Amino acid sequence: MSLRLVDVHCHLQHEKYDGRLDEIIEQAKRKMDFLIVSGANIPWNRRAIELSTRHPDFIYATAGIHPCQNISDSEFLSEIRYIEENADKIVAIGETGLDHFWDTDENILQAQRRRFEELIGLSRSLSLPLVVHSRKAEDAVVSVLESVLEKNDTKNDMNNVIMHCFSGSKKIMERCIGLGHYISFSTMILASKLHKKLAKSCPVENILLETDAPYLAPSGTTNFPWNVELSIKKISEIKNMDATELLNQVYENSLSAFNIGR
């Protein structure tokens, strides 16, 4: 079943993989079709692009600024220029978004929103998908995305949006689906009642799978990209559907969401 496995969001740049990254990538190649290494800060963006260059057609990169990144406005603008200059080496902008878990100060949240809106604009100007972080901020994130669509009058003016590690309510998920967004389920699906409930009601055409590795490990230690296979098995049980059928649909969703091979 593993030949079409895809992890649409992992962080192989993380120091937890230092000293064994080549071995991990080779193991992933034996188990998976491709994976996406997501940027989230200045060094991680460069490392993601470096890995995708070293492993073409297996590792793809995204580049963005995580909402909790404490960088100056000049550093932020410089990174936007870097992303623009390297747009041909990435498949999406992100991760970016809002985070109301770590940050609660109103001034910080306003700065998060301003930068999120700028990166949405970058996604649109470069015609690249958008990978969205929304921890404890799902309603606020969707409201921003809805406001962008209202300003531009048409859903078609927004590129594909991937709701990374989505953990909001069913109602908010339905708003996302109504906007045509993809819902990316992490390996939290293996234990979380909320995520199981969301997966049960999410249309299979909108489902993507990720590990967020090395985070969110099923065993509580270190996560690895191929653990998406565990999520396939769990969601197929939840939705009472054939695991191979689900695998094939999620694979096609992944290609479409990131315009890979299209």
Protein backbone atom coordinates (compact mmCIF):
# COMPACT_ATOMS: atom_id res chain seq x y z
CA MET A 1 0.00 0.00 0.00
CA SER A 2 2.92 2.36 0.65
CA LEU A 3 3.94 3.17 -2.93
CA ARG A 4 1.72 6.26 -3.15
CA LEU A 5 2.31 7.52 0.36
CA VAL A 6 2.77 11.29 0.61
CA ASP A 7 3.60 13.52 3.58
CA VAL A 8 2.60 17.07 2.64
CA HIS A 9 4.18 18.74 5.67
CA CYS A 10 7.30 17.75 7.56
CA HIS A 11 10.41 19.47 8.87
CA LEU A 12 13.43 17.40 7.93
CA GLN A 13 15.56 20.49 8.63
CA HIS A 14 15.06 19.91 12.36
CA GLU A 15 18.13 19.24 14.49
CA LYS A 16 16.55 15.99 15.72
CA TYR A 17 17.53 14.47 12.38
CA ASP A 18 21.12 15.71 12.44
CA GLY A 19 23.63 12.97 11.74
CA ARG A 20 21.10 10.56 10.27
CA LEU A 21 19.16 12.61 7.75
CA ASP A 22 20.55 10.83 4.68
CA GLU A 23 19.54 7.48 6.17
CA ILE A 24 16.04 8.78 6.95
CA ILE A 25 15.58 10.14 3.43
CA GLU A 26 16.69 6.85 1.88
CA GLN A 27 14.26 4.97 4.10
CA ALA A 28 11.49 7.38 3.10
CA LYS A 29 12.30 6.80 -0.58
CA ARG A 30 11.74 3.08 -0.09
CA LYS A 31 8.35 3.65 1.50
CA MET A 32 6.92 6.78 -0.11
CA ASP A 33 6.23 8.53 -3.41
CA PHE A 34 7.22 12.04 -2.30
CA LEU A 35 7.19 14.41 0.65
CA ILE A 36 7.10 18.14 1.22
CA VAL A 37 9.56 19.85 3.55
CA SER A 38 7.94 22.98 4.89
CA GLY A 39 9.84 26.16 5.59
CA ALA A 40 8.87 28.24 8.60
CA ASN A 41 11.74 30.62 9.20
CA ILE A 42 14.76 32.06 7.42
CA PRO A 43 17.22 29.15 7.86
CA TRP A 44 14.56 26.48 7.41
CA ASN A 45 13.44 28.00 4.11
CA ARG A 46 16.96 27.71 2.75
CA ARG A 47 17.40 24.20 4.07
CA ALA A 48 14.09 23.07 2.55
CA ILE A 49 15.14 24.37 -0.85
CA GLU A 50 18.56 22.76 -0.48
CA LEU A 51 16.98 19.36 0.29
CA SER A 52 14.58 19.63 -2.64
CA THR A 53 17.49 20.46 -4.95
CA ARG A 54 19.44 17.44 -3.71
CA HIS A 55 16.44 15.11 -4.04
CA PRO A 56 14.43 16.27 -7.09
CA ASP A 57 11.00 14.72 -7.66
CA PHE A 58 11.04 13.24 -4.17
CA ILE A 59 11.45 16.19 -1.81
CA TYR A 60 9.54 19.38 -2.57
CA ALA A 61 9.95 22.60 -0.60
CA THR A 62 7.76 25.38 0.70
CA ALA A 63 8.98 28.71 2.09
CA GLY A 64 7.30 31.02 4.56
CA ILE A 65 7.41 32.66 7.96
CA HIS A 66 5.71 31.01 10.94
CA PRO A 67 3.49 33.49 12.81
CA CYS A 68 5.54 33.11 16.01
CA GLN A 69 8.83 34.03 14.33
CA ASN A 70 10.22 37.10 16.09
CA ILE A 71 11.98 38.88 13.25
CA SER A 72 12.16 42.56 12.34
CA ASP A 73 10.15 44.12 9.55
CA SER A 74 13.31 44.55 7.50
CA GLU A 75 14.16 40.86 7.93
CA PHE A 76 10.61 39.94 6.96
CA LEU A 77 10.74 42.04 3.80
CA SER A 78 14.16 40.65 2.93
CA GLU A 79 12.78 37.13 3.25
CA ILE A 80 9.88 37.97 0.96
CA ARG A 81 12.42 39.08 -1.64
CA TYR A 82 14.32 35.82 -1.14
CA ILE A 83 11.14 33.80 -1.67
CA GLU A 84 10.29 35.79 -4.80
CA GLU A 85 13.77 35.14 -6.19
CA ASN A 86 13.45 31.41 -5.48
CA ALA A 87 9.80 30.93 -6.39
CA ASP A 88 10.68 28.39 -9.07
CA LYS A 89 12.21 26.14 -6.38
CA ILE A 90 9.15 25.89 -4.12
CA VAL A 91 5.65 24.45 -4.44
CA ALA A 92 3.89 26.70 -1.92
CA ILE A 93 4.13 29.69 0.39
CA GLY A 94 4.17 28.67 4.03
CA GLU A 95 3.88 27.89 6.57
CA THR A 96 2.25 31.14 7.57
CA GLY A 97 -0.90 32.15 9.38
CA LEU A 98 -1.95 33.07 12.91
CA ASP A 99 -1.12 31.52 16.28
CA HIS A 100 -3.19 32.36 19.36
CA PHE A 101 -1.67 29.60 21.47
CA TRP A 102 1.82 30.96 22.06
CA ASP A 103 1.03 34.65 21.52
CA THR A 104 -1.85 36.54 23.16
CA ASP A 105 -0.62 40.14 23.22
CA GLU A 106 -2.87 42.21 20.97
CA ASN A 107 0.00 44.10 19.35
CA ILE A 108 1.72 40.83 18.47
CA LEU A 109 -1.51 39.39 17.06
CA GLN A 110 -2.02 42.46 14.89
CA ALA A 111 1.52 42.08 13.56
CA GLN A 112 0.82 38.40 12.86
CA ARG A 113 -2.27 39.32 10.86
CA ARG A 114 -0.45 41.99 8.87
CA ARG A 115 2.31 39.56 7.89
CA PHE A 116 -0.20 36.81 7.16
CA GLU A 117 -2.02 39.13 4.76
CA GLU A 118 1.27 40.05 3.09
CA LEU A 119 2.12 36.38 2.56
CA ILE A 120 -1.36 35.72 1.19
CA GLY A 121 -0.63 38.49 -1.29
CA LEU A 122 2.71 36.89 -2.11
CA SER A 123 0.98 33.55 -2.71
CA ARG A 124 -1.42 35.22 -5.12
CA SER A 125 1.22 37.24 -6.95
CA LEU A 126 3.40 34.15 -7.45
CA SER A 127 0.42 31.87 -8.22
CA LEU A 128 1.53 29.45 -5.52
CA PRO A 129 -0.57 27.51 -2.99
CA LEU A 130 -0.69 28.69 0.62
CA VAL A 131 0.09 26.51 3.66
CA VAL A 132 -1.74 27.90 6.68
CA HIS A 133 -0.92 27.55 10.38
CA SER A 134 -3.91 28.25 12.62
CA ARG A 135 -3.25 26.96 16.13
CA LYS A 136 -6.04 28.17 18.43
CA ALA A 137 -6.79 30.77 15.73
CA GLU A 138 -8.87 28.82 13.24
CA ASP A 139 -11.81 31.23 13.21
CA ALA A 140 -9.55 34.27 12.83
CA VAL A 141 -7.58 32.62 10.02
CA VAL A 142 -10.68 31.67 8.05
CA SER A 143 -12.09 35.16 8.54
CA VAL A 144 -8.92 36.62 6.99
CA LEU A 145 -9.13 34.20 4.05
CA GLU A 146 -12.83 34.99 3.57
CA SER A 147 -12.10 38.72 3.59
CA VAL A 148 -9.50 38.27 0.85
CA LEU A 149 -12.06 36.47 -1.29
CA GLU A 150 -14.68 39.14 -0.64
CA LYS A 151 -12.28 41.85 -1.75
CA ASN A 152 -11.54 39.96 -4.95
CA ASP A 153 -15.13 38.83 -5.62
CA THR A 154 -14.26 35.32 -6.73
CA LYS A 155 -13.02 32.08 -5.17
CA ASN A 156 -10.98 31.46 -8.30
CA ASP A 157 -8.76 34.42 -7.45
CA MET A 158 -7.33 32.50 -4.47
CA ASN A 159 -4.76 29.79 -5.04
CA ASN A 160 -5.07 26.43 -3.31
CA VAL A 161 -5.09 26.74 0.47
CA ILE A 162 -3.87 23.92 2.71
CA MET A 163 -5.04 24.07 6.32
CA HIS A 164 -1.95 22.60 7.99
CA CYS A 165 -2.55 20.33 10.99
CA PHE A 166 -6.14 21.55 11.21
CA SER A 167 -7.57 21.35 14.74
CA GLY A 168 -10.61 23.61 14.60
CA SER A 169 -14.29 22.83 14.98
CA LYS A 170 -16.42 20.97 12.48
CA LYS A 171 -18.23 24.23 11.70
CA ILE A 172 -14.99 26.03 10.86
CA MET A 173 -13.82 23.06 8.81
CA GLU A 174 -17.03 23.29 6.80
CA ARG A 175 -16.30 26.97 6.14
CA CYS A 176 -12.87 25.98 4.84
CA ILE A 177 -14.32 23.30 2.61
CA GLY A 178 -16.88 25.78 1.32
CA LEU A 179 -13.97 27.96 0.22
CA GLY A 180 -12.40 25.00 -1.56
CA HIS A 181 -9.55 24.57 0.92
CA TYR A 182 -7.78 21.32 1.73
CA ILE A 183 -7.82 19.93 5.28
CA SER A 184 -4.49 18.42 6.26
CA PHE A 185 -4.72 15.82 9.02
CA SER A 186 -1.65 15.09 11.10
CA THR A 187 -0.72 11.91 12.93
CA MET A 188 -2.75 13.26 15.87
CA ILE A 189 -5.62 11.43 14.13
CA LEU A 190 -4.33 8.24 15.74
CA ALA A 191 -5.32 9.33 19.25
CA SER A 192 -7.37 12.53 19.07
CA LYS A 193 -11.16 12.27 19.31
CA LEU A 194 -11.50 15.71 17.71
CA HIS A 195 -9.46 14.78 14.66
CA LYS A 196 -11.29 11.49 14.23
CA LYS A 197 -14.59 13.37 14.29
CA LEU A 198 -13.31 15.88 11.74
CA ALA A 199 -11.98 13.16 9.44
CA LYS A 200 -15.27 11.30 9.54
CA SER A 201 -17.18 14.30 8.20
CA CYS A 202 -14.51 15.71 5.86
CA PRO A 203 -15.10 14.92 2.16
CA VAL A 204 -12.35 12.61 0.96
CA GLU A 205 -11.63 15.00 -1.93
CA ASN A 206 -10.46 17.61 0.60
CA ILE A 207 -8.21 15.38 2.70
CA LEU A 208 -4.42 15.67 2.82
CA LEU A 209 -2.08 13.89 5.23
CA GLU A 210 0.99 15.10 7.07
CA THR A 211 3.18 14.20 10.00
CA ASP A 212 4.61 17.62 10.95
CA ALA A 213 7.66 15.48 11.74
CA PRO A 214 9.58 15.47 13.98
CA TYR A 215 6.62 16.76 15.99
CA LEU A 216 3.36 14.92 16.81
CA ALA A 217 4.93 11.46 16.94
CA PRO A 218 2.45 8.63 17.54
CA SER A 219 4.83 7.21 20.13
CA GLY A 220 5.55 10.58 21.70
CA THR A 221 9.22 10.63 20.68
CA THR A 222 10.27 11.50 17.11
CA ASN A 223 7.94 11.42 14.13
CA PHE A 224 8.91 10.29 10.63
CA PRO A 225 7.25 11.01 7.25
CA TRP A 226 6.24 7.40 6.56
CA ASN A 227 3.95 7.43 9.60
CA VAL A 228 1.28 8.85 7.30
CA GLU A 229 0.60 5.19 6.51
CA LEU A 230 -0.80 4.84 10.04
CA SER A 231 -3.10 7.77 9.34
CA ILE A 232 -4.32 6.16 6.11
CA LYS A 233 -5.26 3.02 8.01
CA LYS A 234 -6.99 4.96 10.79
CA ILE A 235 -9.00 7.22 8.47
CA SER A 236 -10.05 4.27 6.30
CA GLU A 237 -11.45 2.67 9.46
CA ILE A 238 -13.18 5.88 10.52
CA LYS A 239 -14.76 6.40 7.10
CA ASN A 240 -15.38 2.68 6.52
CA MET A 241 -13.67 2.71 3.15
CA ASP A 242 -10.99 0.67 1.45
CA ALA A 243 -7.51 1.81 2.53
CA THR A 244 -6.08 1.60 -0.99
CA GLU A 245 -8.94 3.67 -2.37
CA LEU A 246 -8.30 6.31 0.29
CA LEU A 247 -4.56 6.20 -0.38
CA ASN A 248 -5.10 6.80 -4.10
CA GLN A 249 -7.51 9.67 -3.48
CA VAL A 250 -5.19 11.39 -0.99
CA TYR A 251 -2.30 10.96 -3.43
CA GLU A 252 -4.28 12.68 -6.20
CA ASN A 253 -5.37 15.38 -3.76
CA SER A 254 -1.73 16.02 -2.88
CA LEU A 255 -0.71 16.42 -6.52
CA SER A 256 -3.62 18.78 -7.16
CA ALA A 257 -3.18 20.84 -4.00
CA PHE A 258 0.46 21.64 -4.76
CA ASN A 259 0.24 21.54 -8.57
CA ILE A 260 2.87 18.81 -8.71
CA GLY A 261 3.24 17.25 -12.14
CA ARG A 262 0.43 19.43 -13.43
